[in-house]
N, C-alpha and C. Protein backbone atom coordinates (compact mmCIF):
# COMPACT_ATOMS: atom_id res chain seq x y z
N MET A 1 -151.36 12.95 -26.14
CA MET A 1 -150.82 12.85 -27.48
C MET A 1 -149.34 12.49 -27.41
N SER A 2 -148.91 11.63 -28.28
CA SER A 2 -147.51 11.19 -28.33
C SER A 2 -146.56 12.35 -28.59
N PHE A 3 -145.32 12.14 -28.21
CA PHE A 3 -144.23 13.07 -28.49
C PHE A 3 -143.06 12.21 -28.93
N ILE A 4 -142.46 12.55 -30.07
CA ILE A 4 -141.41 11.73 -30.67
C ILE A 4 -140.07 12.44 -30.57
N GLU A 5 -139.06 11.70 -30.12
CA GLU A 5 -137.68 12.16 -30.20
C GLU A 5 -137.03 11.36 -31.31
N PHE A 6 -136.49 12.04 -32.30
CA PHE A 6 -135.89 11.46 -33.49
C PHE A 6 -134.39 11.73 -33.43
N GLU A 7 -133.59 10.67 -33.27
CA GLU A 7 -132.15 10.83 -33.11
C GLU A 7 -131.42 10.08 -34.22
N THR A 8 -130.38 10.70 -34.77
CA THR A 8 -129.57 10.06 -35.81
C THR A 8 -128.11 10.10 -35.39
N TRP A 9 -127.33 9.17 -35.95
CA TRP A 9 -125.88 9.12 -35.69
C TRP A 9 -125.21 8.25 -36.72
N GLN A 10 -123.88 8.33 -36.73
CA GLN A 10 -123.03 7.43 -37.48
C GLN A 10 -122.11 6.73 -36.49
N ILE A 11 -121.65 5.56 -36.86
CA ILE A 11 -120.80 4.75 -35.98
C ILE A 11 -119.33 5.12 -36.18
N LYS A 12 -118.58 5.18 -35.08
CA LYS A 12 -117.14 5.39 -35.17
C LYS A 12 -116.53 4.25 -35.97
N GLU A 13 -115.60 4.59 -36.84
CA GLU A 13 -114.92 3.59 -37.68
C GLU A 13 -114.35 2.46 -36.83
N GLY A 14 -114.55 1.23 -37.29
CA GLY A 14 -114.00 0.06 -36.61
C GLY A 14 -114.81 -0.41 -35.42
N ASN A 15 -115.94 0.23 -35.14
CA ASN A 15 -116.75 -0.12 -33.97
C ASN A 15 -118.11 -0.71 -34.34
N GLU A 16 -118.27 -1.13 -35.56
CA GLU A 16 -119.57 -1.61 -36.02
C GLU A 16 -120.07 -2.82 -35.23
N VAL A 17 -119.22 -3.80 -35.02
CA VAL A 17 -119.64 -5.02 -34.30
C VAL A 17 -119.98 -4.68 -32.85
N ALA A 18 -119.12 -3.91 -32.18
CA ALA A 18 -119.37 -3.52 -30.80
C ALA A 18 -120.65 -2.68 -30.69
N HIS A 19 -120.86 -1.79 -31.65
CA HIS A 19 -122.07 -0.97 -31.69
C HIS A 19 -123.31 -1.84 -31.77
N ASP A 20 -123.30 -2.78 -32.71
CA ASP A 20 -124.47 -3.64 -32.91
C ASP A 20 -124.77 -4.47 -31.65
N GLU A 21 -123.74 -4.97 -31.00
CA GLU A 21 -123.94 -5.74 -29.76
C GLU A 21 -124.49 -4.84 -28.65
N MET A 22 -123.98 -3.63 -28.54
CA MET A 22 -124.45 -2.72 -27.50
C MET A 22 -125.90 -2.31 -27.76
N ILE A 23 -126.28 -2.14 -29.00
CA ILE A 23 -127.68 -1.83 -29.31
C ILE A 23 -128.58 -2.96 -28.82
N ARG A 24 -128.17 -4.21 -29.04
CA ARG A 24 -128.97 -5.35 -28.55
C ARG A 24 -129.04 -5.35 -27.03
N GLN A 25 -127.92 -5.08 -26.36
CA GLN A 25 -127.91 -5.00 -24.89
C GLN A 25 -128.80 -3.86 -24.40
N TRP A 26 -128.75 -2.73 -25.10
CA TRP A 26 -129.57 -1.58 -24.74
C TRP A 26 -131.06 -1.94 -24.80
N PHE A 27 -131.49 -2.53 -25.90
CA PHE A 27 -132.90 -2.93 -26.03
C PHE A 27 -133.29 -3.91 -24.92
N ALA A 28 -132.44 -4.87 -24.63
CA ALA A 28 -132.74 -5.84 -23.57
C ALA A 28 -132.88 -5.14 -22.22
N PHE A 29 -131.99 -4.20 -21.92
CA PHE A 29 -132.05 -3.47 -20.66
C PHE A 29 -133.34 -2.66 -20.56
N VAL A 30 -133.67 -1.93 -21.61
CA VAL A 30 -134.89 -1.10 -21.58
C VAL A 30 -136.12 -1.98 -21.42
N ARG A 31 -136.18 -3.08 -22.14
CA ARG A 31 -137.32 -3.99 -22.03
C ARG A 31 -137.45 -4.51 -20.60
N GLN A 32 -136.34 -4.89 -20.00
CA GLN A 32 -136.34 -5.45 -18.65
C GLN A 32 -136.73 -4.42 -17.60
N HIS A 33 -136.37 -3.15 -17.79
CA HIS A 33 -136.57 -2.12 -16.77
C HIS A 33 -137.61 -1.07 -17.17
N HIS A 34 -138.44 -1.38 -18.16
CA HIS A 34 -139.39 -0.39 -18.68
C HIS A 34 -140.27 0.20 -17.59
N ALA A 35 -140.91 -0.62 -16.80
CA ALA A 35 -141.89 -0.14 -15.81
C ALA A 35 -141.26 0.79 -14.79
N GLU A 36 -140.05 0.48 -14.34
CA GLU A 36 -139.44 1.28 -13.28
C GLU A 36 -138.68 2.50 -13.77
N LEU A 37 -138.08 2.45 -14.96
CA LEU A 37 -137.22 3.55 -15.43
C LEU A 37 -137.75 4.32 -16.63
N PHE A 38 -138.61 3.68 -17.42
CA PHE A 38 -138.99 4.26 -18.70
C PHE A 38 -140.52 4.28 -18.89
N ALA A 39 -141.25 4.50 -17.83
CA ALA A 39 -142.72 4.44 -17.89
C ALA A 39 -143.30 5.45 -18.87
N GLU A 40 -142.60 6.53 -19.14
CA GLU A 40 -143.11 7.56 -20.05
C GLU A 40 -142.98 7.16 -21.52
N TRP A 41 -142.23 6.10 -21.79
CA TRP A 41 -142.00 5.67 -23.17
C TRP A 41 -143.16 4.81 -23.67
N LYS A 42 -143.61 5.07 -24.89
CA LYS A 42 -144.56 4.19 -25.56
C LYS A 42 -143.82 3.16 -26.42
N SER A 43 -142.72 3.61 -27.04
CA SER A 43 -141.98 2.71 -27.91
C SER A 43 -140.59 3.27 -28.21
N ALA A 44 -139.73 2.40 -28.67
CA ALA A 44 -138.42 2.78 -29.20
C ALA A 44 -138.20 1.92 -30.44
N ARG A 45 -137.86 2.57 -31.53
CA ARG A 45 -137.66 1.86 -32.80
C ARG A 45 -136.34 2.29 -33.42
N TYR A 46 -135.67 1.32 -34.02
CA TYR A 46 -134.30 1.49 -34.51
C TYR A 46 -134.26 1.23 -36.00
N PHE A 47 -133.57 2.10 -36.74
CA PHE A 47 -133.51 1.99 -38.20
C PHE A 47 -132.10 2.26 -38.71
N ARG A 48 -131.81 1.70 -39.87
CA ARG A 48 -130.62 2.07 -40.63
C ARG A 48 -131.11 2.82 -41.86
N GLN A 49 -130.60 4.00 -42.09
CA GLN A 49 -131.00 4.79 -43.24
C GLN A 49 -130.38 4.20 -44.50
N THR A 50 -131.16 4.16 -45.57
CA THR A 50 -130.68 3.70 -46.87
C THR A 50 -131.12 4.70 -47.94
N ASP A 51 -130.53 4.55 -49.11
CA ASP A 51 -131.07 5.29 -50.25
C ASP A 51 -132.28 4.51 -50.76
N ARG A 52 -132.91 4.99 -51.78
CA ARG A 52 -134.15 4.33 -52.22
C ARG A 52 -133.93 2.93 -52.79
N ASP A 53 -132.69 2.58 -53.12
CA ASP A 53 -132.39 1.24 -53.61
C ASP A 53 -131.97 0.30 -52.50
N GLY A 54 -131.96 0.78 -51.25
CA GLY A 54 -131.62 -0.06 -50.12
C GLY A 54 -130.15 -0.06 -49.74
N ASN A 55 -129.36 0.82 -50.35
CA ASN A 55 -127.94 0.91 -50.03
C ASN A 55 -127.75 1.75 -48.76
N PRO A 56 -127.07 1.22 -47.75
CA PRO A 56 -126.88 1.96 -46.50
C PRO A 56 -126.15 3.29 -46.71
N THR A 57 -126.59 4.32 -45.99
CA THR A 57 -125.96 5.64 -46.06
C THR A 57 -124.93 5.83 -44.95
N GLY A 58 -124.92 4.94 -43.95
CA GLY A 58 -124.02 5.09 -42.81
C GLY A 58 -124.67 5.78 -41.63
N THR A 59 -125.93 6.17 -41.77
CA THR A 59 -126.65 6.84 -40.69
C THR A 59 -127.65 5.89 -40.06
N TYR A 60 -127.75 5.95 -38.74
CA TYR A 60 -128.69 5.14 -37.98
C TYR A 60 -129.68 6.06 -37.28
N ILE A 61 -130.85 5.54 -36.99
CA ILE A 61 -131.94 6.35 -36.44
C ILE A 61 -132.60 5.60 -35.30
N MET A 62 -132.94 6.35 -34.26
CA MET A 62 -133.76 5.82 -33.18
C MET A 62 -134.94 6.76 -33.01
N LEU A 63 -136.13 6.18 -32.99
CA LEU A 63 -137.36 6.93 -32.71
C LEU A 63 -137.83 6.53 -31.33
N PHE A 64 -137.87 7.50 -30.44
CA PHE A 64 -138.39 7.29 -29.10
C PHE A 64 -139.78 7.91 -29.06
N GLU A 65 -140.79 7.11 -28.78
CA GLU A 65 -142.15 7.64 -28.67
C GLU A 65 -142.52 7.71 -27.20
N PHE A 66 -142.87 8.91 -26.76
CA PHE A 66 -143.28 9.14 -25.38
C PHE A 66 -144.79 9.34 -25.34
N HIS A 67 -145.39 9.07 -24.21
CA HIS A 67 -146.84 9.27 -24.05
C HIS A 67 -147.21 10.74 -24.22
N SER A 68 -146.30 11.65 -23.86
CA SER A 68 -146.58 13.09 -23.96
C SER A 68 -145.27 13.87 -23.93
N ARG A 69 -145.33 15.14 -24.32
CA ARG A 69 -144.18 16.02 -24.22
C ARG A 69 -143.77 16.18 -22.76
N GLU A 70 -144.76 16.32 -21.89
CA GLU A 70 -144.48 16.46 -20.46
C GLU A 70 -143.78 15.22 -19.91
N GLY A 71 -144.21 14.05 -20.37
CA GLY A 71 -143.55 12.81 -19.97
C GLY A 71 -142.11 12.74 -20.44
N HIS A 72 -141.87 13.18 -21.65
CA HIS A 72 -140.50 13.24 -22.19
C HIS A 72 -139.63 14.09 -21.29
N HIS A 73 -140.12 15.30 -20.98
CA HIS A 73 -139.34 16.23 -20.17
C HIS A 73 -139.11 15.69 -18.75
N ALA A 74 -140.13 15.06 -18.18
CA ALA A 74 -139.99 14.48 -16.84
C ALA A 74 -138.95 13.37 -16.84
N TYR A 75 -138.98 12.51 -17.84
CA TYR A 75 -137.99 11.44 -17.95
C TYR A 75 -136.58 12.01 -18.07
N LYS A 76 -136.39 12.97 -18.97
CA LYS A 76 -135.06 13.55 -19.18
C LYS A 76 -134.54 14.23 -17.90
N GLU A 77 -135.41 14.89 -17.19
CA GLU A 77 -135.02 15.54 -15.94
C GLU A 77 -134.59 14.51 -14.90
N ARG A 78 -135.36 13.44 -14.78
CA ARG A 78 -135.07 12.39 -13.80
C ARG A 78 -133.75 11.67 -14.12
N ARG A 79 -133.45 11.52 -15.39
CA ARG A 79 -132.27 10.77 -15.83
C ARG A 79 -131.03 11.64 -16.02
N LYS A 80 -131.14 12.93 -15.95
CA LYS A 80 -130.06 13.83 -16.38
C LYS A 80 -128.72 13.62 -15.69
N GLU A 81 -128.71 13.21 -14.44
CA GLU A 81 -127.46 13.01 -13.71
C GLU A 81 -126.91 11.59 -13.83
N TRP A 82 -127.66 10.70 -14.48
CA TRP A 82 -127.27 9.29 -14.61
C TRP A 82 -127.03 8.67 -13.23
N SER A 83 -127.82 9.08 -12.24
CA SER A 83 -127.63 8.58 -10.88
C SER A 83 -128.67 7.52 -10.54
N GLY A 84 -128.48 6.91 -9.38
CA GLY A 84 -129.41 5.88 -8.93
C GLY A 84 -129.51 4.76 -9.94
N PRO A 85 -130.73 4.33 -10.28
CA PRO A 85 -130.89 3.22 -11.22
C PRO A 85 -130.44 3.55 -12.64
N TYR A 86 -130.28 4.84 -12.94
CA TYR A 86 -129.85 5.22 -14.29
C TYR A 86 -128.35 5.03 -14.49
N ALA A 87 -127.60 4.78 -13.42
CA ALA A 87 -126.18 4.48 -13.57
C ALA A 87 -126.00 3.17 -14.35
N ALA A 88 -126.85 2.19 -14.07
CA ALA A 88 -126.79 0.92 -14.81
C ALA A 88 -127.20 1.12 -16.27
N TYR A 89 -128.13 2.03 -16.51
CA TYR A 89 -128.55 2.34 -17.88
C TYR A 89 -127.38 2.96 -18.65
N LYS A 90 -126.63 3.83 -18.01
CA LYS A 90 -125.48 4.47 -18.65
C LYS A 90 -124.47 3.42 -19.13
N ALA A 91 -124.38 2.31 -18.41
CA ALA A 91 -123.43 1.25 -18.77
C ALA A 91 -123.78 0.58 -20.10
N VAL A 92 -125.02 0.63 -20.53
CA VAL A 92 -125.43 0.03 -21.81
C VAL A 92 -125.75 1.09 -22.86
N ASP A 93 -125.44 2.33 -22.57
CA ASP A 93 -125.68 3.42 -23.51
C ASP A 93 -124.70 3.29 -24.68
N PRO A 94 -125.19 3.16 -25.90
CA PRO A 94 -124.30 2.93 -27.04
C PRO A 94 -123.57 4.17 -27.54
N TYR A 95 -123.76 5.33 -26.91
CA TYR A 95 -123.12 6.56 -27.37
C TYR A 95 -121.61 6.44 -27.50
N GLN A 96 -120.99 5.59 -26.73
CA GLN A 96 -119.53 5.44 -26.81
C GLN A 96 -119.07 5.02 -28.20
N PHE A 97 -119.98 4.46 -29.00
CA PHE A 97 -119.63 4.00 -30.35
C PHE A 97 -120.11 4.96 -31.44
N PHE A 98 -120.69 6.09 -31.04
CA PHE A 98 -121.19 7.08 -32.00
C PHE A 98 -120.10 8.10 -32.32
N LYS A 99 -120.07 8.55 -33.56
CA LYS A 99 -119.30 9.75 -33.91
C LYS A 99 -120.14 10.91 -33.38
N LEU A 100 -119.76 11.46 -32.26
CA LEU A 100 -120.58 12.46 -31.58
C LEU A 100 -120.89 13.68 -32.44
N GLU A 101 -120.00 14.04 -33.34
CA GLU A 101 -120.25 15.19 -34.21
C GLU A 101 -121.35 14.93 -35.23
N THR A 102 -121.78 13.66 -35.38
CA THR A 102 -122.86 13.34 -36.33
C THR A 102 -124.22 13.19 -35.66
N VAL A 103 -124.26 13.24 -34.34
CA VAL A 103 -125.52 13.03 -33.62
C VAL A 103 -126.44 14.23 -33.82
N THR A 104 -127.67 13.95 -34.21
CA THR A 104 -128.70 14.99 -34.30
C THR A 104 -129.92 14.53 -33.52
N THR A 105 -130.67 15.48 -32.98
CA THR A 105 -131.90 15.17 -32.27
C THR A 105 -132.96 16.17 -32.70
N GLU A 106 -134.13 15.63 -33.07
CA GLU A 106 -135.28 16.46 -33.43
C GLU A 106 -136.47 15.93 -32.66
N TYR A 107 -137.52 16.73 -32.60
CA TYR A 107 -138.72 16.36 -31.87
C TYR A 107 -139.93 16.56 -32.76
N TRP A 108 -140.86 15.61 -32.69
CA TRP A 108 -142.06 15.65 -33.53
C TRP A 108 -143.30 15.52 -32.66
N GLU A 109 -144.31 16.30 -32.98
CA GLU A 109 -145.63 16.16 -32.36
C GLU A 109 -146.62 15.73 -33.43
N PRO A 110 -147.40 14.69 -33.16
CA PRO A 110 -148.39 14.24 -34.14
C PRO A 110 -149.42 15.32 -34.45
N GLN A 111 -149.88 15.33 -35.68
CA GLN A 111 -150.91 16.26 -36.13
C GLN A 111 -151.98 15.48 -36.88
N GLU A 112 -153.20 15.98 -36.85
CA GLU A 112 -154.32 15.41 -37.62
C GLU A 112 -154.43 13.90 -37.44
N THR A 113 -154.29 13.43 -36.22
CA THR A 113 -154.29 11.99 -35.98
C THR A 113 -155.61 11.32 -36.33
N ASP A 114 -156.70 12.07 -36.36
CA ASP A 114 -157.99 11.48 -36.76
C ASP A 114 -157.97 11.04 -38.22
N ALA A 115 -157.08 11.59 -39.01
CA ALA A 115 -157.00 11.25 -40.43
C ALA A 115 -156.00 10.12 -40.69
N TRP A 116 -155.25 9.72 -39.70
CA TRP A 116 -154.24 8.69 -39.89
C TRP A 116 -154.89 7.33 -40.21
N PHE A 117 -154.14 6.47 -40.85
CA PHE A 117 -154.59 5.10 -41.11
C PHE A 117 -153.40 4.18 -41.14
N SER A 118 -153.65 2.89 -41.02
CA SER A 118 -152.61 1.89 -41.08
C SER A 118 -153.16 0.70 -41.85
N PHE A 119 -152.41 0.19 -42.77
CA PHE A 119 -152.81 -0.99 -43.54
C PHE A 119 -152.09 -2.21 -43.00
N GLU A 120 -152.60 -2.76 -41.92
CA GLU A 120 -151.97 -3.93 -41.30
C GLU A 120 -152.84 -5.13 -41.47
């Protein structure tokens, strides 16, 4: 069963362009190194929060979907020191552009998945 890490943040003032470029570099790095560094990940999705009329609130969101809670924990443990191949990952980590006091992280476990549907 999937395990979701839900992270939110706001960008440091004056760093919007650099933030956006680093997000693109981050996605490219993860895509390129998925098999070797991020095998536990099913997906990563990026959002800008808006009000119901589409006006930006200043908050950004990343949803990391892992194959399992155990996979999430194994990945975090392996990466915790930012050593070995994760040193290169740290170089594209966009946290340097985040207002760290605004960062939140929550975790979600799917429920009643047999009842889920998608209109695609």
